[in-house]
């Protein structure tokens, strides 16, 4: 790897994990590791399929990337 884009990649990753911590982990009390895994899975699904992202023009990632795939396939 030549290191190009690493700062951008890190900021996206840090933004996701900050959101995960503050919107899911810190506000819920999980009984055991299984409940934590289920809560994380629900949040990741919400993050990708329902939550609008400013960087994607207020679209959800699933909608945004589905549109791109359709455009490329056409």
PDB file of N, CA and C in Angstrom:
ATOM      1  N   UNK A   1       0.850  -1.176   0.000  1.00  0.00           N
ATOM      2  CA  UNK A   1       0.000   0.000   0.000  1.00  0.00           C
ATOM      3  C   UNK A   1       0.892   1.234   0.000  1.00  0.00           C
ATOM      4  N   UNK A   2       0.475   2.224  -0.766  1.00  0.00           N
ATOM      5  CA  UNK A   2       1.261   3.444  -0.835  1.00  0.00           C
ATOM      6  C   UNK A   2       0.794   4.501   0.163  1.00  0.00           C
ATOM      7  N   UNK A   3      -0.274   4.256   0.866  1.00  0.00           N
ATOM      8  CA  UNK A   3      -0.730   5.182   1.890  1.00  0.00           C
ATOM      9  C   UNK A   3      -1.676   6.256   1.387  1.00  0.00           C
ATOM     10  N   UNK A   4      -1.980   6.269   0.095  1.00  0.00           N
ATOM     11  CA  UNK A   4      -2.892   7.298  -0.422  1.00  0.00           C
ATOM     12  C   UNK A   4      -4.294   7.076   0.135  1.00  0.00           C
ATOM     13  N   UNK A   5      -4.924   8.153   0.545  1.00  0.00           N
ATOM     14  CA  UNK A   5      -6.295   8.093   1.025  1.00  0.00           C
ATOM     15  C   UNK A   5      -6.454   7.630   2.460  1.00  0.00           C
ATOM     16  N   UNK A   6      -5.377   7.371   3.133  1.00  0.00           N
ATOM     17  CA  UNK A   6      -5.477   6.830   4.489  1.00  0.00           C
ATOM     18  C   UNK A   6      -6.147   7.799   5.457  1.00  0.00           C
ATOM     19  N   UNK A   7      -5.871   9.081   5.353  1.00  0.00           N
ATOM     20  CA  UNK A   7      -6.497  10.054   6.258  1.00  0.00           C
ATOM     21  C   UNK A   7      -8.008  10.069   6.050  1.00  0.00           C
ATOM     22  N   UNK A   8      -8.431  10.023   4.817  1.00  0.00           N
ATOM     23  CA  UNK A   8      -9.865  10.003   4.520  1.00  0.00           C
ATOM     24  C   UNK A   8     -10.494   8.718   5.033  1.00  0.00           C
ATOM     25  N   UNK A   9      -9.842   7.599   4.800  1.00  0.00           N
ATOM     26  CA  UNK A   9     -10.365   6.319   5.278  1.00  0.00           C
ATOM     27  C   UNK A   9     -10.487   6.323   6.794  1.00  0.00           C
ATOM     28  N   UNK A  10      -9.478   6.837   7.482  1.00  0.00           N
ATOM     29  CA  UNK A  10      -9.505   6.885   8.940  1.00  0.00           C
ATOM     30  C   UNK A  10     -10.632   7.768   9.442  1.00  0.00           C
ATOM     31  N   UNK A  11     -10.884   8.886   8.815  1.00  0.00           N
ATOM     32  CA  UNK A  11     -11.940   9.776   9.291  1.00  0.00           C
ATOM     33  C   UNK A  11     -13.309   9.135   9.130  1.00  0.00           C
ATOM     34  N   UNK A  12     -13.507   8.414   8.047  1.00  0.00           N
ATOM     35  CA  UNK A  12     -14.799   7.724   7.857  1.00  0.00           C
ATOM     36  C   UNK A  12     -14.988   6.638   8.898  1.00  0.00           C
ATOM     37  N   UNK A  13     -13.940   5.883   9.133  1.00  0.00           N
ATOM     38  CA  UNK A  13     -14.010   4.814  10.127  1.00  0.00           C
ATOM     39  C   UNK A  13     -14.236   5.386  11.515  1.00  0.00           C
ATOM     40  N   UNK A  14     -13.509   6.437  11.862  1.00  0.00           N
ATOM     41  CA  UNK A  14     -13.681   7.055  13.169  1.00  0.00           C
ATOM     42  C   UNK A  14     -15.075   7.641  13.328  1.00  0.00           C
ATOM     43  N   UNK A  15     -15.620   8.224  12.275  1.00  0.00           N
ATOM     44  CA  UNK A  15     -16.971   8.784  12.330  1.00  0.00           C
ATOM     45  C   UNK A  15     -17.994   7.675  12.585  1.00  0.00           C
ATOM     46  N   UNK A  16     -17.823   6.539  11.885  1.00  0.00           N
ATOM     47  CA  UNK A  16     -18.752   5.418  12.084  1.00  0.00           C
ATOM     48  C   UNK A  16     -18.681   4.917  13.524  1.00  0.00           C
ATOM     49  N   UNK A  17     -17.474   4.672  14.040  1.00  0.00           N
ATOM     50  CA  UNK A  17     -17.351   4.132  15.384  1.00  0.00           C
ATOM     51  C   UNK A  17     -17.806   5.134  16.448  1.00  0.00           C
ATOM     52  N   UNK A  18     -17.608   6.425  16.217  1.00  0.00           N
ATOM     53  CA  UNK A  18     -18.119   7.432  17.158  1.00  0.00           C
ATOM     54  C   UNK A  18     -19.646   7.354  17.195  1.00  0.00           C
ATOM     55  N   UNK A  19     -20.263   7.268  16.021  1.00  0.00           N
ATOM     56  CA  UNK A  19     -21.709   7.156  15.952  1.00  0.00           C
ATOM     57  C   UNK A  19     -22.190   5.871  16.622  1.00  0.00           C
ATOM     58  N   UNK A  20     -21.511   4.775  16.361  1.00  0.00           N
ATOM     59  CA  UNK A  20     -21.866   3.485  16.964  1.00  0.00           C
ATOM     60  C   UNK A  20     -21.811   3.567  18.491  1.00  0.00           C
ATOM     61  N   UNK A  21     -20.759   4.156  19.019  1.00  0.00           N
ATOM     62  CA  UNK A  21     -20.617   4.242  20.471  1.00  0.00           C
ATOM     63  C   UNK A  21     -21.706   5.108  21.094  1.00  0.00           C
ATOM     64  N   UNK A  22     -21.921   6.309  20.539  1.00  0.00           N
ATOM     65  CA  UNK A  22     -22.840   7.251  21.167  1.00  0.00           C
ATOM     66  C   UNK A  22     -24.307   6.924  20.916  1.00  0.00           C
ATOM     67  N   UNK A  23     -24.618   6.320  19.788  1.00  0.00           N
ATOM     68  CA  UNK A  23     -26.020   6.051  19.452  1.00  0.00           C
ATOM     69  C   UNK A  23     -26.471   4.641  19.817  1.00  0.00           C
ATOM     70  N   UNK A  24     -25.531   3.754  20.102  1.00  0.00           N
ATOM     71  CA  UNK A  24     -25.909   2.373  20.396  1.00  0.00           C
ATOM     72  C   UNK A  24     -25.325   1.877  21.717  1.00  0.00           C
ATOM     73  N   UNK A  25     -24.028   1.863  21.821  1.00  0.00           N
ATOM     74  CA  UNK A  25     -23.378   1.202  22.951  1.00  0.00           C
ATOM     75  C   UNK A  25     -23.595   1.954  24.257  1.00  0.00           C
ATOM     76  N   UNK A  26     -23.346   3.261  24.265  1.00  0.00           N
ATOM     77  CA  UNK A  26     -23.413   4.022  25.516  1.00  0.00           C
ATOM     78  C   UNK A  26     -24.828   4.176  26.065  1.00  0.00           C
ATOM     79  N   UNK A  27     -25.841   4.151  25.207  1.00  0.00           N
ATOM     80  CA  UNK A  27     -27.199   4.403  25.695  1.00  0.00           C
ATOM     81  C   UNK A  27     -27.988   3.127  26.005  1.00  0.00           C
ATOM     82  N   UNK A  28     -27.424   1.969  25.678  1.00  0.00           N
ATOM     83  CA  UNK A  28     -28.100   0.704  25.957  1.00  0.00           C
ATOM     84  C   UNK A  28     -27.309  -0.092  26.977  1.00  0.00           C
ATOM     85  N   UNK A  29     -28.036  -0.827  27.776  1.00  0.00           N
ATOM     86  CA  UNK A  29     -27.396  -1.717  28.744  1.00  0.00           C
ATOM     87  C   UNK A  29     -27.611  -3.149  28.263  1.00  0.00           C
ATOM     88  N   UNK A  30     -26.556  -3.772  27.787  1.00  0.00           N
ATOM     89  CA  UNK A  30     -26.651  -5.112  27.229  1.00  0.00           C
ATOM     90  C   UNK A  30     -26.417  -6.144  28.326  1.00  0.00           C
ATOM     91  N   UNK A  31     -27.259  -7.156  28.354  1.00  0.00           N
ATOM     92  CA  UNK A  31     -27.209  -8.182  29.394  1.00  0.00           C
ATOM     93  C   UNK A  31     -25.992  -9.095  29.265  1.00  0.00           C
ATOM     94  N   UNK A  32     -25.646  -9.450  28.035  1.00  0.00           N
ATOM     95  CA  UNK A  32     -24.556 -10.394  27.806  1.00  0.00           C
ATOM     96  C   UNK A  32     -23.976 -10.157  26.408  1.00  0.00           C
ATOM     97  N   UNK A  33     -22.906 -10.846  26.052  1.00  0.00           N
ATOM     98  CA  UNK A  33     -22.294 -10.634  24.732  1.00  0.00           C
ATOM     99  C   UNK A  33     -23.245 -10.910  23.567  1.00  0.00           C
ATOM    100  N   UNK A  34     -24.134 -11.864  23.724  1.00  0.00           N
ATOM    101  CA  UNK A  34     -25.100 -12.165  22.654  1.00  0.00           C
ATOM    102  C   UNK A  34     -26.015 -10.968  22.400  1.00  0.00           C
ATOM    103  N   UNK A  35     -26.499 -10.344  23.463  1.00  0.00           N
ATOM    104  CA  UNK A  35     -27.354  -9.161  23.329  1.00  0.00           C
ATOM    105  C   UNK A  35     -26.579  -8.007  22.698  1.00  0.00           C
ATOM    106  N   UNK A  36     -25.318  -7.871  23.056  1.00  0.00           N
ATOM    107  CA  UNK A  36     -24.477  -6.835  22.447  1.00  0.00           C
ATOM    108  C   UNK A  36     -24.327  -7.063  20.953  1.00  0.00           C
ATOM    109  N   UNK A  37     -24.046  -8.306  20.549  1.00  0.00           N
ATOM    110  CA  UNK A  37     -23.911  -8.613  19.117  1.00  0.00           C
ATOM    111  C   UNK A  37     -25.202  -8.317  18.356  1.00  0.00           C
ATOM    112  N   UNK A  38     -26.343  -8.672  18.939  1.00  0.00           N
ATOM    113  CA  UNK A  38     -27.629  -8.388  18.287  1.00  0.00           C
ATOM    114  C   UNK A  38     -27.864  -6.884  18.182  1.00  0.00           C
ATOM    115  N   UNK A  39     -27.529  -6.156  19.232  1.00  0.00           N
ATOM    116  CA  UNK A  39     -27.680  -4.701  19.204  1.00  0.00           C
ATOM    117  C   UNK A  39     -26.781  -4.064  18.162  1.00  0.00           C
ATOM    118  N   UNK A  40     -25.554  -4.529  18.065  1.00  0.00           N
ATOM    119  CA  UNK A  40     -24.633  -4.009  17.044  1.00  0.00           C
ATOM    120  C   UNK A  40     -25.134  -4.318  15.642  1.00  0.00           C
ATOM    121  N   UNK A  41     -25.636  -5.520  15.436  1.00  0.00           N
ATOM    122  CA  UNK A  41     -26.159  -5.896  14.116  1.00  0.00           C
ATOM    123  C   UNK A  41     -27.344  -5.013  13.732  1.00  0.00           C
ATOM    124  N   UNK A  42     -28.236  -4.757  14.692  1.00  0.00           N
ATOM    125  CA  UNK A  42     -29.387  -3.872  14.414  1.00  0.00           C
ATOM    126  C   UNK A  42     -28.921  -2.468  14.065  1.00  0.00           C
ATOM    127  N   UNK A  43     -27.923  -1.963  14.812  1.00  0.00           N
ATOM    128  CA  UNK A  43     -27.450  -0.610  14.537  1.00  0.00           C
ATOM    129  C   UNK A  43     -26.772  -0.512  13.177  1.00  0.00           C
ATOM    130  N   UNK A  44     -25.964  -1.490  12.813  1.00  0.00           N
ATOM    131  CA  UNK A  44     -25.290  -1.467  11.516  1.00  0.00           C
ATOM    132  C   UNK A  44     -26.319  -1.529  10.392  1.00  0.00           C
ATOM    133  N   UNK A  45     -27.352  -2.339  10.559  1.00  0.00           N
ATOM    134  CA  UNK A  45     -28.414  -2.390   9.551  1.00  0.00           C
ATOM    135  C   UNK A  45     -29.113  -1.036   9.458  1.00  0.00           C
ATOM    136  N   UNK A  46     -29.440  -0.431  10.588  1.00  0.00           N
ATOM    137  CA  UNK A  46     -30.052   0.897  10.599  1.00  0.00           C
ATOM    138  C   UNK A  46     -29.135   1.918   9.924  1.00  0.00           C
ATOM    139  N   UNK A  47     -27.863   1.887  10.253  1.00  0.00           N
ATOM    140  CA  UNK A  47     -26.879   2.833   9.721  1.00  0.00           C
ATOM    141  C   UNK A  47     -26.799   2.738   8.199  1.00  0.00           C
ATOM    142  N   UNK A  48     -26.866   1.535   7.668  1.00  0.00           N
ATOM    143  CA  UNK A  48     -26.728   1.342   6.228  1.00  0.00           C
ATOM    144  C   UNK A  48     -28.029   1.483   5.448  1.00  0.00           C
ATOM    145  N   UNK A  49     -29.170   1.178   6.064  1.00  0.00           N
ATOM    146  CA  UNK A  49     -30.420   1.111   5.311  1.00  0.00           C
ATOM    147  C   UNK A  49     -31.430   2.198   5.634  1.00  0.00           C
ATOM    148  N   UNK A  50     -31.318   2.852   6.776  1.00  0.00           N
ATOM    149  CA  UNK A  50     -32.340   3.826   7.161  1.00  0.00           C
ATOM    150  C   UNK A  50     -31.802   5.223   7.453  1.00  0.00           C
ATOM    151  N   UNK A  51     -30.606   5.314   7.987  1.00  0.00           N
ATOM    152  CA  UNK A  51     -30.054   6.594   8.436  1.00  0.00           C
ATOM    153  C   UNK A  51     -29.509   7.384   7.256  1.00  0.00           C
ATOM    154  N   UNK A  52     -30.021   8.594   7.013  1.00  0.00           N
ATOM    155  CA  UNK A  52     -29.478   9.414   5.925  1.00  0.00           C
ATOM    156  C   UNK A  52     -28.082   9.932   6.267  1.00  0.00           C
ATOM    157  N   UNK A  53     -27.236  10.008   5.259  1.00  0.00           N
ATOM    158  CA  UNK A  53     -25.862  10.464   5.447  1.00  0.00           C
ATOM    159  C   UNK A  53     -25.650  11.762   4.679  1.00  0.00           C
ATOM    160  N   UNK A  54     -25.155  12.758   5.358  1.00  0.00           N
ATOM    161  CA  UNK A  54     -24.931  14.064   4.749  1.00  0.00           C
ATOM    162  C   UNK A  54     -23.963  13.960   3.574  1.00  0.00           C
ATOM    163  N   UNK A  55     -22.937  13.141   3.700  1.00  0.00           N
ATOM    164  CA  UNK A  55     -21.930  13.024   2.640  1.00  0.00           C
ATOM    165  C   UNK A  55     -22.490  12.357   1.381  1.00  0.00           C
ATOM    166  N   UNK A  56     -23.644  11.710   1.478  1.00  0.00           N
ATOM    167  CA  UNK A  56     -24.271  11.053   0.324  1.00  0.00           C
ATOM    168  C   UNK A  56     -25.502  11.822  -0.145  1.00  0.00           C
ATOM    169  N   UNK A  57     -25.571  13.090   0.174  1.00  0.00           N
ATOM    170  CA  UNK A  57     -26.715  13.906  -0.238  1.00  0.00           C
ATOM    171  C   UNK A  57     -27.993  13.518   0.470  1.00  0.00           C
ATOM    172  N   UNK A  58     -27.890  13.195   1.762  1.00  0.00           N
ATOM    173  CA  UNK A  58     -29.017  12.796   2.618  1.00  0.00           C
ATOM    174  C   UNK A  58     -29.669  11.490   2.166  1.00  0.00           C
ATOM    175  N   UNK A  59     -28.939  10.665   1.434  1.00  0.00           N
ATOM    176  CA  UNK A  59     -29.425   9.340   1.055  1.00  0.00           C
ATOM    177  C   UNK A  59     -28.833   8.311   2.006  1.00  0.00           C
ATOM    178  N   UNK A  60     -29.492   7.184   2.099  1.00  0.00           N
ATOM    179  CA  UNK A  60     -28.954   6.071   2.872  1.00  0.00           C
ATOM    180  C   UNK A  60     -27.937   5.341   2.002  1.00  0.00           C
ATOM    181  N   UNK A  61     -26.897   4.777   2.593  1.00  0.00           N
ATOM    182  CA  UNK A  61     -25.890   4.088   1.786  1.00  0.00           C
ATOM    183  C   UNK A  61     -26.472   2.995   0.891  1.00  0.00           C
ATOM    184  N   UNK A  62     -27.419   2.238   1.388  1.00  0.00           N
ATOM    185  CA  UNK A  62     -28.002   1.167   0.575  1.00  0.00           C
ATOM    186  C   UNK A  62     -28.679   1.741  -0.674  1.00  0.00           C
ATOM    187  N   UNK A  63     -29.417   2.831  -0.534  1.00  0.00           N
ATOM    188  CA  UNK A  63     -30.079   3.470  -1.677  1.00  0.00           C
ATOM    189  C   UNK A  63     -29.049   4.081  -2.619  1.00  0.00           C
ATOM    190  N   UNK A  64     -28.075   4.765  -2.054  1.00  0.00           N
ATOM    191  CA  UNK A  64     -27.072   5.456  -2.847  1.00  0.00           C
ATOM    192  C   UNK A  64     -26.279   4.482  -3.710  1.00  0.00           C
ATOM    193  N   UNK A  65     -25.789   3.416  -3.098  1.00  0.00           N
ATOM    194  CA  UNK A  65     -24.962   2.478  -3.845  1.00  0.00           C
ATOM    195  C   UNK A  65     -25.785   1.595  -4.770  1.00  0.00           C
ATOM    196  N   UNK A  66     -27.041   1.336  -4.443  1.00  0.00           N
ATOM    197  CA  UNK A  66     -27.910   0.592  -5.364  1.00  0.00           C
ATOM    198  C   UNK A  66     -28.118   1.405  -6.639  1.00  0.00           C
ATOM    199  N   UNK A  67     -28.267   2.716  -6.486  1.00  0.00           N
ATOM    200  CA  UNK A  67     -28.425   3.595  -7.646  1.00  0.00           C
ATOM    201  C   UNK A  67     -27.162   3.566  -8.512  1.00  0.00           C
ATOM    202  N   UNK A  68     -26.004   3.595  -7.889  1.00  0.00           N
ATOM    203  CA  UNK A  68     -24.742   3.562  -8.640  1.00  0.00           C
ATOM    204  C   UNK A  68     -24.597   2.253  -9.395  1.00  0.00           C
ATOM    205  N   UNK A  69     -24.939   1.142  -8.755  1.00  0.00           N
ATOM    206  CA  UNK A  69     -24.837  -0.156  -9.425  1.00  0.00           C
ATOM    207  C   UNK A  69     -25.769  -0.216 -10.623  1.00  0.00           C
ATOM    208  N   UNK A  70     -26.976   0.301 -10.483  1.00  0.00           N
ATOM    209  CA  UNK A  70     -27.913   0.332 -11.606  1.00  0.00           C
ATOM    210  C   UNK A  70     -27.384   1.194 -12.750  1.00  0.00           C
ATOM    211  N   UNK A  71     -26.789   2.320 -12.392  1.00  0.00           N
ATOM    212  CA  UNK A  71     -26.221   3.227 -13.411  1.00  0.00           C
ATOM    213  C   UNK A  71     -25.082   2.557 -14.151  1.00  0.00           C
ATOM    214  N   UNK A  72     -24.221   1.871 -13.443  1.00  0.00           N
ATOM    215  CA  UNK A  72     -23.087   1.189 -14.071  1.00  0.00           C
ATOM    216  C   UNK A  72     -23.569   0.027 -14.940  1.00  0.00           C
ATOM    217  N   UNK A  73     -24.580  -0.689 -14.465  1.00  0.00           N
ATOM    218  CA  UNK A  73     -25.078  -1.857 -15.198  1.00  0.00           C
ATOM    219  C   UNK A  73     -25.815  -1.459 -16.473  1.00  0.00           C
ATOM    220  N   UNK A  74     -26.304  -0.238 -16.531  1.00  0.00           N
ATOM    221  CA  UNK A  74     -27.087   0.203 -17.699  1.00  0.00           C
ATOM    222  C   UNK A  74     -26.229   0.483 -18.904  1.00  0.00           C
TER     223      UNK A  74
END
